[in-house]
PDB file of N, CA and C in Angstrom:
ATOM      1  N   MET A   1    -156.433 -70.871  -5.076  1.00  0.00           N
ATOM      2  CA  MET A   1    -156.469 -69.400  -5.436  1.00  0.00           C
ATOM      3  C   MET A   1    -155.214 -69.053  -6.119  1.00  0.00           C
ATOM      4  N   PRO A   2    -155.251 -68.467  -7.247  1.00  0.00           N
ATOM      5  CA  PRO A   2    -154.005 -68.076  -7.813  1.00  0.00           C
ATOM      6  C   PRO A   2    -153.363 -66.795  -7.204  1.00  0.00           C
ATOM      7  N   ALA A   3    -152.016 -66.837  -7.302  1.00  0.00           N
ATOM      8  CA  ALA A   3    -151.201 -65.720  -6.656  1.00  0.00           C
ATOM      9  C   ALA A   3    -150.995 -64.625  -7.731  1.00  0.00           C
ATOM     10  N   PHE A   4    -151.543 -63.520  -7.392  1.00  0.00           N
ATOM     11  CA  PHE A   4    -151.393 -62.333  -8.239  1.00  0.00           C
ATOM     12  C   PHE A   4    -150.122 -61.694  -8.009  1.00  0.00           C
ATOM     13  N   LYS A   5    -149.444 -61.131  -8.928  1.00  0.00           N
ATOM     14  CA  LYS A   5    -148.244 -60.372  -8.794  1.00  0.00           C
ATOM     15  C   LYS A   5    -148.501 -59.073  -9.330  1.00  0.00           C
ATOM     16  N   LYS A   6    -147.724 -58.074  -8.872  1.00  0.00           N
ATOM     17  CA  LYS A   6    -147.926 -56.639  -9.235  1.00  0.00           C
ATOM     18  C   LYS A   6    -146.728 -56.381 -10.256  1.00  0.00           C
ATOM     19  N   TYR A   7    -147.077 -55.979 -11.519  1.00  0.00           N
ATOM     20  CA  TYR A   7    -146.024 -55.642 -12.381  1.00  0.00           C
ATOM     21  C   TYR A   7    -146.074 -54.212 -12.761  1.00  0.00           C
ATOM     22  N   ARG A   8    -144.907 -53.534 -12.600  1.00  0.00           N
ATOM     23  CA  ARG A   8    -144.810 -52.125 -13.052  1.00  0.00           C
ATOM     24  C   ARG A   8    -144.083 -52.059 -14.426  1.00  0.00           C
ATOM     25  N   ILE A   9    -144.988 -51.596 -15.384  1.00  0.00           N
ATOM     26  CA  ILE A   9    -144.546 -51.628 -16.778  1.00  0.00           C
ATOM     27  C   ILE A   9    -144.271 -50.289 -17.316  1.00  0.00           C
ATOM     28  N   HIS A  10    -143.110 -50.046 -17.835  1.00  0.00           N
ATOM     29  CA  HIS A  10    -142.690 -48.713 -18.447  1.00  0.00           C
ATOM     30  C   HIS A  10    -143.144 -48.726 -19.895  1.00  0.00           C
ATOM     31  N   VAL A  11    -143.899 -47.634 -20.177  1.00  0.00           N
ATOM     32  CA  VAL A  11    -144.506 -47.377 -21.542  1.00  0.00           C
ATOM     33  C   VAL A  11    -143.620 -46.286 -22.138  1.00  0.00           C
ATOM     34  N   PRO A  12    -142.807 -46.677 -23.268  1.00  0.00           N
ATOM     35  CA  PRO A  12    -142.042 -45.615 -23.838  1.00  0.00           C
ATOM     36  C   PRO A  12    -142.772 -44.641 -24.565  1.00  0.00           C
ATOM     37  N   LYS A  13    -143.974 -44.985 -25.267  1.00  0.00           N
ATOM     38  CA  LYS A  13    -144.790 -44.054 -25.999  1.00  0.00           C
ATOM     39  C   LYS A  13    -145.127 -42.836 -25.196  1.00  0.00           C
ATOM     40  N   CYS A  14    -145.550 -43.018 -23.940  1.00  0.00           N
ATOM     41  CA  CYS A  14    -145.979 -41.817 -23.195  1.00  0.00           C
ATOM     42  C   CYS A  14    -144.995 -41.563 -22.111  1.00  0.00           C
ATOM     43  N   ASN A  15    -143.915 -42.294 -22.026  1.00  0.00           N
ATOM     44  CA  ASN A  15    -142.831 -42.115 -21.076  1.00  0.00           C
ATOM     45  C   ASN A  15    -143.410 -42.163 -19.504  1.00  0.00           C
ATOM     46  N   ASP A  16    -144.227 -43.161 -19.299  1.00  0.00           N
ATOM     47  CA  ASP A  16    -144.878 -43.301 -18.030  1.00  0.00           C
ATOM     48  C   ASP A  16    -144.920 -44.775 -17.585  1.00  0.00           C
ATOM     49  N   HIS A  17    -145.369 -44.971 -16.359  1.00  0.00           N
ATOM     50  CA  HIS A  17    -145.421 -46.442 -15.835  1.00  0.00           C
ATOM     51  C   HIS A  17    -146.900 -46.698 -15.713  1.00  0.00           C
ATOM     52  N   MET A  18    -147.242 -47.979 -15.730  1.00  0.00           N
ATOM     53  CA  MET A  18    -148.621 -48.496 -15.453  1.00  0.00           C
ATOM     54  C   MET A  18    -148.537 -49.711 -14.558  1.00  0.00           C
ATOM     55  N   ILE A  19    -149.284 -49.910 -13.702  1.00  0.00           N
ATOM     56  CA  ILE A  19    -149.392 -50.985 -12.817  1.00  0.00           C
ATOM     57  C   ILE A  19    -150.347 -52.070 -13.262  1.00  0.00           C
ATOM     58  N   VAL A  20    -149.915 -53.319 -13.412  1.00  0.00           N
ATOM     59  CA  VAL A  20    -150.819 -54.364 -13.818  1.00  0.00           C
ATOM     60  C   VAL A  20    -150.746 -55.483 -12.785  1.00  0.00           C
ATOM     61  N   PHE A  21    -151.920 -55.911 -12.272  1.00  0.00           N
ATOM     62  CA  PHE A  21    -151.869 -57.194 -11.426  1.00  0.00           C
ATOM     63  C   PHE A  21    -152.273 -58.380 -12.262  1.00  0.00           C
ATOM     64  N   ALA A  22    -151.496 -59.370 -12.203  1.00  0.00           N
ATOM     65  CA  ALA A  22    -151.795 -60.599 -13.054  1.00  0.00           C
ATOM     66  C   ALA A  22    -151.443 -61.856 -12.468  1.00  0.00           C
ATOM     67  N   ALA A  23    -151.976 -62.822 -12.761  1.00  0.00           N
ATOM     68  CA  ALA A  23    -151.548 -64.289 -12.445  1.00  0.00           C
ATOM     69  C   ALA A  23    -151.127 -64.931 -13.760  1.00  0.00           C
ATOM     70  N   LEU A  24    -149.896 -65.038 -13.949  1.00  0.00           N
ATOM     71  CA  LEU A  24    -149.475 -65.641 -15.174  1.00  0.00           C
ATOM     72  C   LEU A  24    -149.021 -67.080 -14.994  1.00  0.00           C
ATOM     73  N   PRO A  25    -149.436 -67.926 -16.104  1.00  0.00           N
ATOM     74  CA  PRO A  25    -148.915 -69.344 -15.937  1.00  0.00           C
ATOM     75  C   PRO A  25    -147.409 -69.283 -16.224  1.00  0.00           C
ATOM     76  N   HIS A  26    -146.823 -70.489 -15.714  1.00  0.00           N
ATOM     77  CA  HIS A  26    -145.441 -70.672 -15.819  1.00  0.00           C
ATOM     78  C   HIS A  26    -144.894 -70.703 -17.260  1.00  0.00           C
ATOM     79  N   THR A  27    -145.631 -70.965 -18.233  1.00  0.00           N
ATOM     80  CA  THR A  27    -145.320 -71.180 -19.574  1.00  0.00           C
ATOM     81  C   THR A  27    -145.015 -69.776 -20.303  1.00  0.00           C
ATOM     82  N   VAL A  28    -145.540 -68.691 -19.664  1.00  0.00           N
ATOM     83  CA  VAL A  28    -145.559 -67.356 -20.259  1.00  0.00           C
ATOM     84  C   VAL A  28    -144.187 -66.644 -20.083  1.00  0.00           C
ATOM     85  N   ASP A  29    -143.548 -66.119 -21.102  1.00  0.00           N
ATOM     86  CA  ASP A  29    -142.333 -65.432 -20.945  1.00  0.00           C
ATOM     87  C   ASP A  29    -142.688 -63.921 -20.501  1.00  0.00           C
ATOM     88  N   VAL A  30    -142.339 -63.646 -19.205  1.00  0.00           N
ATOM     89  CA  VAL A  30    -142.658 -62.380 -18.585  1.00  0.00           C
ATOM     90  C   VAL A  30    -142.259 -61.168 -19.364  1.00  0.00           C
ATOM     91  N   ASP A  31    -141.007 -61.172 -19.860  1.00  0.00           N
ATOM     92  CA  ASP A  31    -140.511 -60.023 -20.560  1.00  0.00           C
ATOM     93  C   ASP A  31    -141.273 -59.816 -21.881  1.00  0.00           C
ATOM     94  N   GLN A  32    -141.539 -60.808 -22.620  1.00  0.00           N
ATOM     95  CA  GLN A  32    -142.384 -60.658 -23.777  1.00  0.00           C
ATOM     96  C   GLN A  32    -143.874 -60.219 -23.503  1.00  0.00           C
ATOM     97  N   TRP A  33    -144.353 -60.691 -22.453  1.00  0.00           N
ATOM     98  CA  TRP A  33    -145.690 -60.264 -22.029  1.00  0.00           C
ATOM     99  C   TRP A  33    -145.728 -58.801 -21.638  1.00  0.00           C
ATOM    100  N   MET A  34    -144.761 -58.399 -20.915  1.00  0.00           N
ATOM    101  CA  MET A  34    -144.625 -56.916 -20.527  1.00  0.00           C
ATOM    102  C   MET A  34    -144.449 -56.023 -21.728  1.00  0.00           C
ATOM    103  N   LYS A  35    -143.596 -56.435 -22.673  1.00  0.00           N
ATOM    104  CA  LYS A  35    -143.406 -55.672 -23.920  1.00  0.00           C
ATOM    105  C   LYS A  35    -144.701 -55.519 -24.663  1.00  0.00           C
ATOM    106  N   LYS A  36    -145.396 -56.636 -24.837  1.00  0.00           N
ATOM    107  CA  LYS A  36    -146.792 -56.600 -25.480  1.00  0.00           C
ATOM    108  C   LYS A  36    -147.747 -55.672 -24.790  1.00  0.00           C
ATOM    109  N   LYS A  37    -147.813 -55.726 -23.439  1.00  0.00           N
ATOM    110  CA  LYS A  37    -148.623 -54.810 -22.728  1.00  0.00           C
ATOM    111  C   LYS A  37    -148.226 -53.346 -22.916  1.00  0.00           C
ATOM    112  N   ALA A  38    -146.931 -53.041 -22.943  1.00  0.00           N
ATOM    113  CA  ALA A  38    -146.578 -51.733 -23.145  1.00  0.00           C
ATOM    114  C   ALA A  38    -146.763 -51.200 -24.572  1.00  0.00           C
ATOM    115  N   ASP A  39    -146.755 -52.008 -25.509  1.00  0.00           N
ATOM    116  CA  ASP A  39    -147.061 -51.752 -26.953  1.00  0.00           C
ATOM    117  C   ASP A  39    -148.623 -51.459 -27.104  1.00  0.00           C
ATOM    118  N   ASP A  40    -149.436 -52.187 -26.330  1.00  0.00           N
ATOM    119  CA  ASP A  40    -150.903 -52.141 -26.495  1.00  0.00           C
ATOM    120  C   ASP A  40    -151.484 -51.049 -25.601  1.00  0.00           C
ATOM    121  N   CYS A  41    -150.675 -50.237 -24.926  1.00  0.00           N
ATOM    122  CA  CYS A  41    -151.084 -49.264 -23.929  1.00  0.00           C
ATOM    123  C   CYS A  41    -151.907 -48.098 -24.585  1.00  0.00           C
ATOM    124  N   ASP A  42    -152.913 -47.726 -23.991  1.00  0.00           N
ATOM    125  CA  ASP A  42    -153.852 -46.582 -24.460  1.00  0.00           C
ATOM    126  C   ASP A  42    -153.324 -45.463 -23.548  1.00  0.00           C
ATOM    127  N   CYS A  43    -152.323 -44.602 -24.084  1.00  0.00           N
ATOM    128  CA  CYS A  43    -151.817 -43.660 -23.337  1.00  0.00           C
ATOM    129  C   CYS A  43    -152.716 -42.519 -22.896  1.00  0.00           C
ATOM    130  N   ALA A  44    -153.661 -42.092 -23.713  1.00  0.00           N
ATOM    131  CA  ALA A  44    -154.634 -41.183 -23.381  1.00  0.00           C
ATOM    132  C   ALA A  44    -155.479 -41.690 -22.088  1.00  0.00           C
ATOM    133  N   ALA A  45    -155.933 -42.783 -22.157  1.00  0.00           N
ATOM    134  CA  ALA A  45    -156.741 -43.432 -20.979  1.00  0.00           C
ATOM    135  C   ALA A  45    -155.918 -43.472 -19.758  1.00  0.00           C
ATOM    136  N   LEU A  46    -154.676 -43.864 -19.926  1.00  0.00           N
ATOM    137  CA  LEU A  46    -153.669 -43.915 -18.729  1.00  0.00           C
ATOM    138  C   LEU A  46    -153.528 -42.517 -18.128  1.00  0.00           C
ATOM    139  N   ALA A  47    -153.420 -41.548 -18.924  1.00  0.00           N
ATOM    140  CA  ALA A  47    -153.190 -40.220 -18.416  1.00  0.00           C
ATOM    141  C   ALA A  47    -154.385 -39.557 -17.785  1.00  0.00           C
ATOM    142  N   ALA A  48    -155.581 -39.922 -18.421  1.00  0.00           N
ATOM    143  CA  ALA A  48    -156.877 -39.561 -17.807  1.00  0.00           C
ATOM    144  C   ALA A  48    -157.028 -40.237 -16.445  1.00  0.00           C
ATOM    145  N   GLU A  49    -156.768 -41.488 -16.402  1.00  0.00           N
ATOM    146  CA  GLU A  49    -156.908 -42.210 -15.100  1.00  0.00           C
ATOM    147  C   GLU A  49    -155.997 -41.652 -13.921  1.00  0.00           C
ATOM    148  N   LYS A  50    -154.785 -41.308 -14.258  1.00  0.00           N
ATOM    149  CA  LYS A  50    -153.892 -40.781 -13.378  1.00  0.00           C
ATOM    150  C   LYS A  50    -154.300 -39.380 -12.953  1.00  0.00           C
ATOM    151  N   ALA A  51    -154.766 -38.533 -13.885  1.00  0.00           N
ATOM    152  CA  ALA A  51    -155.289 -37.159 -13.552  1.00  0.00           C
ATOM    153  C   ALA A  51    -156.459 -37.333 -12.651  1.00  0.00           C
ATOM    154  N   LYS A  52    -157.412 -38.248 -12.894  1.00  0.00           N
ATOM    155  CA  LYS A  52    -158.512 -38.346 -12.049  1.00  0.00           C
ATOM    156  C   LYS A  52    -158.139 -38.843 -10.567  1.00  0.00           C
ATOM    157  N   ALA A  53    -157.012 -39.685 -10.502  1.00  0.00           N
ATOM    158  CA  ALA A  53    -156.573 -40.137  -9.192  1.00  0.00           C
ATOM    159  C   ALA A  53    -155.982 -38.970  -8.417  1.00  0.00           C
ATOM    160  N   ARG A  54    -155.347 -38.017  -9.171  1.00  0.00           N
ATOM    161  CA  ARG A  54    -154.675 -36.919  -8.406  1.00  0.00           C
ATOM    162  C   ARG A  54    -155.556 -35.688  -8.116  1.00  0.00           C
ATOM    163  N   GLU A  55    -156.801 -35.552  -8.668  1.00  0.00           N
ATOM    164  CA  GLU A  55    -157.695 -34.511  -8.494  1.00  0.00           C
ATOM    165  C   GLU A  55    -158.141 -34.454  -7.055  1.00  0.00           C
ATOM    166  N   GLN A  56    -158.287 -33.330  -6.459  1.00  0.00           N
ATOM    167  CA  GLN A  56    -158.919 -33.153  -5.076  1.00  0.00           C
ATOM    168  C   GLN A  56    -160.256 -33.568  -5.079  1.00  0.00           C
ATOM    169  N   LYS A  57    -160.702 -34.291  -3.972  1.00  0.00           N
ATOM    170  CA  LYS A  57    -162.014 -34.636  -3.805  1.00  0.00           C
ATOM    171  C   LYS A  57    -162.750 -33.559  -3.061  1.00  0.00           C
ATOM    172  N   PRO A  58    -164.037 -33.235  -3.443  1.00  0.00           N
ATOM    173  CA  PRO A  58    -164.680 -32.218  -2.705  1.00  0.00           C
ATOM    174  C   PRO A  58    -165.040 -32.492  -1.221  1.00  0.00           C
ATOM    175  N   ILE A  59    -165.112 -31.551  -0.443  1.00  0.00           N
ATOM    176  CA  ILE A  59    -165.390 -31.781   1.017  1.00  0.00           C
ATOM    177  C   ILE A  59    -166.854 -31.664   1.312  1.00  0.00           C
ATOM    178  N   ASN A  60    -167.362 -32.678   1.954  1.00  0.00           N
ATOM    179  CA  ASN A  60    -168.755 -32.668   2.282  1.00  0.00           C
ATOM    180  C   ASN A  60    -168.892 -31.681   3.450  1.00  0.00           C
ATOM    181  N   PRO A  61    -169.662 -30.608   3.309  1.00  0.00           N
ATOM    182  CA  PRO A  61    -169.840 -29.546   4.233  1.00  0.00           C
ATOM    183  C   PRO A  61    -170.536 -30.131   5.551  1.00  0.00           C
ATOM    184  N   ILE A  62    -171.333 -31.118   5.467  1.00  0.00           N
ATOM    185  CA  ILE A  62    -171.976 -31.594   6.715  1.00  0.00           C
ATOM    186  C   ILE A  62    -170.999 -32.264   7.575  1.00  0.00           C
ATOM    187  N   LYS A  63    -170.127 -33.112   6.870  1.00  0.00           N
ATOM    188  CA  LYS A  63    -169.081 -33.826   7.692  1.00  0.00           C
ATOM    189  C   LYS A  63    -168.060 -32.844   8.273  1.00  0.00           C
ATOM    190  N   ALA A  64    -167.714 -31.796   7.487  1.00  0.00           N
ATOM    191  CA  ALA A  64    -166.805 -30.833   7.863  1.00  0.00           C
ATOM    192  C   ALA A  64    -167.276 -30.102   9.079  1.00  0.00           C
ATOM    193  N   SER A  65    -168.565 -29.795   9.079  1.00  0.00           N
ATOM    194  CA  SER A  65    -169.068 -28.948  10.306  1.00  0.00           C
ATOM    195  C   SER A  65    -169.090 -29.770  11.579  1.00  0.00           C
ATOM    196  N   LYS A  66    -169.214 -31.126  11.446  1.00  0.00           N
ATOM    197  CA  LYS A  66    -169.266 -31.953  12.591  1.00  0.00           C
ATOM    198  C   LYS A  66    -167.910 -32.117  13.259  1.00  0.00           C
ATOM    199  N   LYS A  67    -166.779 -31.827  12.502  1.00  0.00           N
ATOM    200  CA  LYS A  67    -165.473 -32.019  12.968  1.00  0.00           C
ATOM    201  C   LYS A  67    -165.098 -30.924  13.924  1.00  0.00           C
ATOM    202  N   THR A  68    -165.757 -29.818  13.906  1.00  0.00           N
ATOM    203  CA  THR A  68    -165.374 -28.646  14.722  1.00  0.00           C
ATOM    204  C   THR A  68    -166.130 -28.687  16.035  1.00  0.00           C
TER     205      THR A  68
END
């Protein structure tokens, strides 16, 4: 089973960071790979994904009534 690593890549276009999990072969230059990932970033999709993760989730009224 390959060992996945977590890479935190800074994207200068949108001045934000993205997290990428990858299992890279030993022959790949990690700095070059990270630069290519940052250049290929879809900043609008990244911003939408982060906004969706931050939004409040609705409360289920049935579960809320059982807690009291």
